[in-house]
Protein backbone atom coordinates (compact mmCIF):
# COMPACT_ATOMS: atom_id res chain seq x y z
CA MET A 1 2.67 -12.73 -30.73
CA ASP A 2 4.25 -9.56 -29.35
CA GLN A 3 5.90 -9.70 -25.95
CA LEU A 4 6.32 -6.42 -24.11
CA ASN A 5 8.80 -6.12 -21.26
CA MET A 6 6.68 -3.50 -19.59
CA SER A 7 3.84 -2.88 -17.16
CA PRO A 8 1.11 -0.28 -16.77
CA ALA A 9 3.79 1.63 -14.89
CA SER A 10 5.71 2.15 -18.14
CA VAL A 11 3.70 5.25 -18.98
CA ALA A 12 4.28 6.60 -15.50
CA LYS A 13 7.98 5.79 -15.79
CA ALA A 14 8.23 7.97 -18.87
CA SER A 15 6.94 10.93 -16.84
CA SER A 16 8.20 9.85 -13.41
CA PHE A 17 8.52 12.42 -10.64
CA THR A 18 12.14 11.29 -10.21
CA LYS A 19 14.68 10.64 -12.94
CA GLN A 20 15.76 7.41 -11.30
CA TRP A 21 13.19 4.59 -11.49
CA HIS A 22 13.46 1.43 -9.40
CA SER A 23 11.95 -2.03 -9.79
CA GLU A 24 13.89 -3.72 -7.00
CA PRO A 25 15.28 -2.76 -3.58
CA TYR A 26 18.31 -0.46 -3.33
CA PRO A 27 20.56 0.80 -0.49
CA SER A 28 18.70 4.00 0.42
CA ILE A 29 15.60 2.04 1.45
CA ASP A 30 17.44 -0.85 3.09
CA PRO A 31 15.43 -1.52 6.29
CA GLN A 32 18.68 -2.29 8.11
CA ARG A 33 19.76 1.36 7.82
CA PRO A 34 19.82 2.84 11.35
CA GLU A 35 17.96 5.90 10.08
CA LEU A 36 15.00 3.70 9.14
CA SER A 37 14.89 1.72 12.37
CA ALA A 38 11.47 0.55 13.58
CA ASN A 39 12.89 -0.37 16.98
CA GLY A 40 10.19 -0.31 19.65
CA LYS A 41 7.37 0.13 17.12
CA VAL A 42 4.10 -1.79 16.95
CA VAL A 43 3.16 -2.42 13.31
CA VAL A 44 -0.15 -3.69 11.95
CA ILE A 45 -0.47 -4.87 8.35
CA THR A 46 -3.70 -5.88 6.64
CA GLY A 47 -3.65 -8.18 3.64
CA ALA A 48 -0.41 -9.52 5.08
CA GLY A 49 -0.60 -13.09 3.83
CA THR A 50 0.78 -12.45 0.35
CA GLY A 51 2.29 -9.88 -2.01
CA VAL A 52 2.77 -6.30 -0.84
CA GLY A 53 1.49 -7.00 2.66
CA GLN A 54 3.88 -9.90 3.17
CA ALA A 55 6.77 -7.82 1.80
CA MET A 56 5.94 -5.00 4.22
CA ALA A 57 5.89 -7.41 7.14
CA VAL A 58 9.31 -8.79 6.20
CA ALA A 59 10.74 -5.29 5.81
CA PHE A 60 9.48 -4.07 9.20
CA ALA A 61 10.80 -7.22 10.88
CA THR A 62 14.18 -6.52 9.29
CA ALA A 63 13.95 -2.92 10.54
CA GLY A 64 13.66 -4.18 14.12
CA ALA A 65 9.99 -3.66 14.92
CA LYS A 66 8.99 -4.62 18.45
CA ALA A 67 5.77 -6.31 17.35
CA ILE A 68 4.09 -6.99 14.01
CA ALA A 69 0.45 -7.99 13.73
CA VAL A 70 -0.50 -9.61 10.44
CA ILE A 71 -4.15 -9.56 9.44
CA GLY A 72 -5.69 -11.56 6.61
CA ARG A 73 -8.46 -14.00 5.81
CA ARG A 74 -6.35 -17.18 5.70
CA MET A 75 -4.69 -18.26 8.92
CA ALA A 76 -2.41 -20.76 7.16
CA LEU A 77 -0.81 -17.97 5.13
CA LEU A 78 -0.48 -15.73 8.18
CA LYS A 79 1.35 -18.49 10.06
CA GLN A 80 3.77 -18.90 7.15
CA VAL A 81 4.46 -15.16 7.21
CA ALA A 82 4.94 -15.26 10.99
CA GLU A 83 7.57 -17.98 10.64
CA GLU A 84 9.38 -15.93 8.02
CA LEU A 85 9.33 -12.83 10.23
CA GLN A 86 10.79 -14.66 13.19
CA ARG A 87 13.57 -16.02 11.01
CA LYS A 88 14.36 -12.43 10.05
CA ASN A 89 14.15 -11.10 13.60
CA HIS A 90 14.21 -13.49 16.55
CA ASN A 91 13.10 -10.72 18.91
CA VAL A 92 9.98 -9.58 17.07
CA GLN A 93 6.63 -10.52 18.56
CA VAL A 94 4.29 -11.66 15.79
CA LEU A 95 0.53 -11.74 16.19
CA CYS A 96 -1.67 -13.52 13.64
CA GLU A 97 -5.21 -12.19 13.40
CA PRO A 98 -7.47 -13.89 10.85
CA ALA A 99 -10.15 -11.38 9.87
CA ASP A 100 -12.14 -10.16 6.88
CA VAL A 101 -11.95 -6.39 6.37
CA THR A 102 -15.57 -6.30 5.24
CA GLN A 103 -16.64 -7.53 8.70
CA GLU A 104 -16.49 -4.60 11.11
CA ALA A 105 -16.71 -6.70 14.28
CA GLN A 106 -13.85 -8.95 13.16
CA ILE A 107 -11.57 -6.01 12.41
CA MET A 108 -12.38 -4.07 15.57
CA GLY A 109 -11.86 -7.23 17.61
CA ALA A 110 -8.50 -7.88 15.96
CA PHE A 111 -7.24 -4.37 16.68
CA ARG A 112 -8.48 -4.52 20.27
CA ARG A 113 -6.64 -7.80 20.88
CA ILE A 114 -3.48 -6.40 19.29
CA ALA A 115 -3.52 -3.29 21.47
CA ASP A 116 -4.26 -5.34 24.60
CA GLN A 117 -1.24 -7.57 23.94
CA VAL A 118 1.42 -5.16 22.65
CA GLY A 119 0.14 -1.63 23.25
CA PRO A 120 -0.92 1.26 21.00
CA ILE A 121 -0.29 0.91 17.28
CA ASP A 122 2.54 3.04 15.86
CA ILE A 123 2.32 2.07 12.18
CA LEU A 124 -0.59 0.80 10.11
CA CYS A 125 -0.08 -0.50 6.60
CA SER A 126 -3.58 -0.47 5.14
CA ASN A 127 -3.21 -2.96 2.34
CA VAL A 128 -6.82 -3.55 1.34
CA ALA A 129 -7.64 -4.52 -2.23
CA THR A 130 -9.70 -6.73 -4.45
CA VAL A 131 -9.81 -6.43 -8.23
CA PRO A 132 -13.43 -6.44 -9.42
CA ARG A 133 -13.79 -7.78 -12.96
CA CYS A 134 -15.04 -5.11 -15.35
CA PRO A 135 -14.12 -5.87 -19.00
CA THR A 136 -15.77 -2.64 -20.23
CA ILE A 137 -18.18 -0.11 -18.77
CA LYS A 138 -20.78 -1.29 -21.30
CA ASP A 139 -20.60 -4.86 -20.00
CA ALA A 140 -19.99 -4.08 -16.32
CA ASP A 141 -21.90 -6.03 -13.68
CA PRO A 142 -23.08 -3.53 -11.01
CA ASN A 143 -23.03 -6.23 -8.33
CA ILE A 144 -19.38 -7.04 -9.00
CA ILE A 145 -18.48 -3.35 -8.87
CA LEU A 146 -20.43 -2.97 -5.62
CA ASP A 147 -18.52 -5.89 -4.11
CA GLY A 148 -15.30 -4.08 -5.06
CA PHE A 149 -16.41 -0.97 -3.19
CA LYS A 150 -17.41 -3.07 -0.18
CA THR A 151 -13.86 -4.37 0.13
CA ASN A 152 -11.75 -1.46 -1.10
CA ILE A 153 -13.75 1.34 0.55
CA ILE A 154 -15.94 -0.05 3.33
CA GLY A 155 -13.27 -2.58 4.26
CA MET A 156 -10.66 0.16 4.40
CA LEU A 157 -13.05 2.29 6.47
CA HIS A 158 -13.37 -0.51 9.03
CA VAL A 159 -9.58 -0.78 9.24
CA VAL A 160 -9.10 2.98 9.60
CA GLN A 161 -11.76 3.33 12.29
CA ALA A 162 -10.21 0.51 14.31
CA PHE A 163 -6.79 2.12 13.90
CA LEU A 164 -8.10 5.46 15.16
CA ALA A 165 -9.39 3.73 18.28
CA TYR A 166 -6.05 2.09 19.11
CA SER A 167 -3.32 4.22 17.51
CA ALA A 168 -0.42 5.83 19.33
CA GLN A 169 0.12 9.58 19.33
CA GLY A 170 1.86 10.59 16.09
CA ALA A 171 1.13 7.24 14.45
CA VAL A 172 1.85 6.55 10.78
CA LEU A 173 -0.68 5.24 8.25
CA ILE A 174 0.56 3.96 4.89
CA ASN A 175 -2.25 3.32 2.42
CA THR A 176 -1.50 0.98 -0.47
CA SER A 177 -2.87 2.70 -3.56
CA THR A 178 -2.29 2.32 -7.32
CA GLY A 179 -1.25 4.55 -10.17
CA LEU A 180 -4.65 3.90 -11.74
CA ALA A 181 -6.24 5.78 -8.83
CA HIS A 182 -4.98 9.09 -10.16
CA GLY A 183 -4.60 8.59 -13.91
CA GLY A 184 -4.00 6.41 -16.91
CA TYR A 185 -6.06 3.72 -18.58
CA ALA A 186 -5.79 -0.04 -18.30
CA PRO A 187 -8.21 -2.43 -20.05
CA GLY A 188 -10.64 -4.11 -17.66
CA MET A 189 -9.60 -2.03 -14.65
CA ALA A 190 -12.35 0.63 -14.52
CA ALA A 191 -13.96 -0.74 -11.36
CA TYR A 192 -10.64 -1.25 -9.57
CA ALA A 193 -9.41 2.23 -10.51
CA SER A 194 -12.69 3.78 -9.34
CA THR A 195 -12.53 2.14 -5.92
CA LYS A 196 -8.92 3.16 -5.41
CA SER A 197 -9.63 6.74 -6.51
CA ALA A 198 -12.37 6.89 -3.91
CA ALA A 199 -9.93 5.52 -1.34
CA LEU A 200 -7.51 8.39 -2.03
CA ARG A 201 -10.27 10.91 -1.41
CA LEU A 202 -11.25 9.16 1.80
CA MET A 203 -7.63 9.31 2.92
CA SER A 204 -7.44 13.03 2.17
CA TYR A 205 -10.38 13.67 4.49
CA LEU A 206 -8.88 11.40 7.14
CA ALA A 207 -5.63 13.37 7.02
CA ILE A 208 -7.39 16.73 7.43
CA GLU A 209 -9.52 15.48 10.31
CA ASN A 210 -6.57 13.83 12.10
CA GLN A 211 -3.61 16.18 11.85
CA HIS A 212 -1.76 14.23 14.54
CA LEU A 213 -1.39 11.29 12.14
CA HIS A 214 1.22 10.96 9.41
CA ILE A 215 -0.71 9.61 6.42
CA VAL A 216 0.80 8.82 3.02
CA ASN A 217 -0.48 6.89 0.00
CA MET A 218 1.89 4.53 -1.82
CA SER A 219 1.54 2.95 -5.23
CA PRO A 220 3.58 -0.27 -5.09
CA GLY A 221 4.11 -0.39 -8.85
CA VAL A 222 2.97 -3.44 -10.79
CA LEU A 223 4.17 -6.57 -9.08
CA ILE A 224 5.58 -9.63 -10.79
CA ARG A 225 2.90 -11.77 -9.13
CA SER A 226 -0.34 -10.17 -7.99
CA GLU A 227 -4.06 -10.43 -8.57
CA ALA A 228 -4.14 -7.02 -10.26
CA SER A 229 -1.19 -7.63 -12.59
CA GLU A 230 -2.41 -11.08 -13.65
CA TYR A 231 -5.91 -9.82 -14.40
CA TYR A 232 -4.58 -6.77 -16.24
CA ALA A 233 -2.24 -8.92 -18.33
CA ALA A 234 -5.13 -11.20 -19.29
CA GLU A 235 -7.27 -8.22 -20.36
CA VAL A 236 -4.45 -6.73 -22.44
CA TYR A 237 -3.87 -10.08 -24.12
CA LYS A 238 -7.56 -10.37 -24.98
CA ALA A 239 -7.65 -6.83 -26.36
CA THR A 240 -4.33 -6.74 -28.24
CA GLY A 241 -2.72 -10.19 -28.32
CA ARG A 242 0.28 -8.76 -26.47
CA VAL A 243 1.91 -10.52 -23.54
CA LEU A 244 3.02 -8.24 -20.71
CA VAL A 245 6.11 -9.03 -18.65
CA PHE A 246 6.18 -7.35 -15.24
CA ASN A 247 9.34 -6.65 -13.28
CA ASP A 248 8.53 -4.79 -10.03
CA GLU A 249 9.73 -6.82 -7.03
CA PRO A 250 7.31 -6.93 -4.04
CA GLN A 251 10.21 -6.23 -1.66
CA LEU A 252 10.70 -2.83 -3.31
CA SER A 253 7.36 -1.68 -1.93
CA GLY A 254 8.02 -3.41 1.39
CA ASN A 255 11.29 -1.58 1.92
CA PHE A 256 9.83 1.66 0.58
CA ALA A 257 7.08 1.43 3.22
CA VAL A 258 9.70 1.26 5.97
CA TRP A 259 11.29 4.40 4.54
CA LEU A 260 7.89 6.14 4.40
CA ALA A 261 7.38 5.42 8.10
CA SER A 262 10.76 6.94 9.01
CA PRO A 263 11.58 10.57 9.88
CA GLU A 264 13.31 10.90 6.50
CA ALA A 265 9.89 10.88 4.81
CA ALA A 266 8.15 13.33 7.15
CA PHE A 267 7.86 15.84 4.29
CA LEU A 268 5.50 13.47 2.43
CA LYS A 269 2.68 13.78 4.96
CA GLY A 270 -0.63 13.71 3.09
CA LYS A 271 1.02 12.98 -0.27
CA THR A 272 0.74 10.18 -2.84
CA VAL A 273 3.95 8.57 -4.09
CA TRP A 274 5.18 5.61 -6.14
CA ALA A 275 7.48 3.01 -4.60
CA ASN A 276 9.44 3.12 -7.87
CA TRP A 277 10.58 6.70 -7.27
CA ASP A 278 14.06 7.38 -5.95
CA VAL A 279 13.98 8.50 -2.32
CA ASP A 280 17.16 10.56 -2.52
CA GLU A 281 15.70 12.58 -5.38
CA LEU A 282 12.46 12.95 -3.44
CA LYS A 283 14.36 14.29 -0.44
CA SER A 284 16.13 16.82 -2.67
CA LYS A 285 12.67 18.20 -3.58
CA THR A 286 11.48 18.51 0.03
CA SER A 287 10.69 22.23 0.03
CA ASP A 288 8.93 22.06 -3.34
CA ILE A 289 6.75 19.17 -2.19
CA GLU A 290 5.91 20.52 1.27
CA ASN A 291 4.91 23.98 0.07
CA SER A 292 2.69 23.07 -2.87
CA ASN A 293 0.00 20.75 -4.17
CA LEU A 294 2.62 18.51 -5.74
CA LEU A 295 1.83 14.82 -5.28
CA SER A 296 -1.67 15.67 -4.06
CA LEU A 297 -5.00 14.60 -5.52
CA GLY A 298 -6.74 17.42 -7.38
CA LEU A 299 -7.66 19.09 -10.65
CA HIS A 300 -4.74 20.20 -12.83
CA GLY A 301 -4.55 23.99 -13.02
CA VAL A 302 -6.88 24.60 -10.08
CA ASP A 303 -5.65 25.20 -6.53
CA PHE A 304 -8.59 24.18 -4.36
């Protein structure tokens, strides 16, 4: 049995936008850096009970956020995250809002309560995802794919609309995406990739219609423990007999999100980036990125 110390990100790594590739946190995205301070900020994170969402919550607490609202379906997990955040930052106010993103009334109610308690929302981390099972297009179950779109698109729409109603002027929106949304192939992931591609397009319209917002899409890499990575690994094993070993730490994407919300990343407004990319190299390419279609969704060779 072959064992590969790799992830679906390995192909992207070979053609990474930056020479330096990260799988764990590093000093430039340390949320304790004064330049990345979230002091006085109200942060809302969906899907905050586990994985990327939990890592984002920890990072923003470390960065000194005034208040962090964690949204998810399971209150027990949210309470565990809240305890962790208050250990990181005794001064942070943590709000736990159990809600299902597919239920518009639940999400709008959660955002209304958050704004009533701590004020307008400065930063939203839209971390909405389910991984619909789709072994092949030939064998795909339309109902399973539809359920994926209900969560990953309609659920995200509910979150975004609630955010628009209660956001502060100049607020930041970080959308958790995936490399599969813009390219590559992974066995069994057609439905997931399709929903996340649609999400990128929805975000591009949102950005155009709301120029006052700073919106950026972030691929968190392939996490050591996540629903997507576990399902993908199982599909690869079935197809090839190979065992994949993943090595991207969740806290990399958490810390990277704090950097994306800081003034240092202002040049990435409307762009799509990978948490694995080196931020110092990205900053060195500021003028190239700002004045072109680099890191934007589109058709290669066509400026439209």
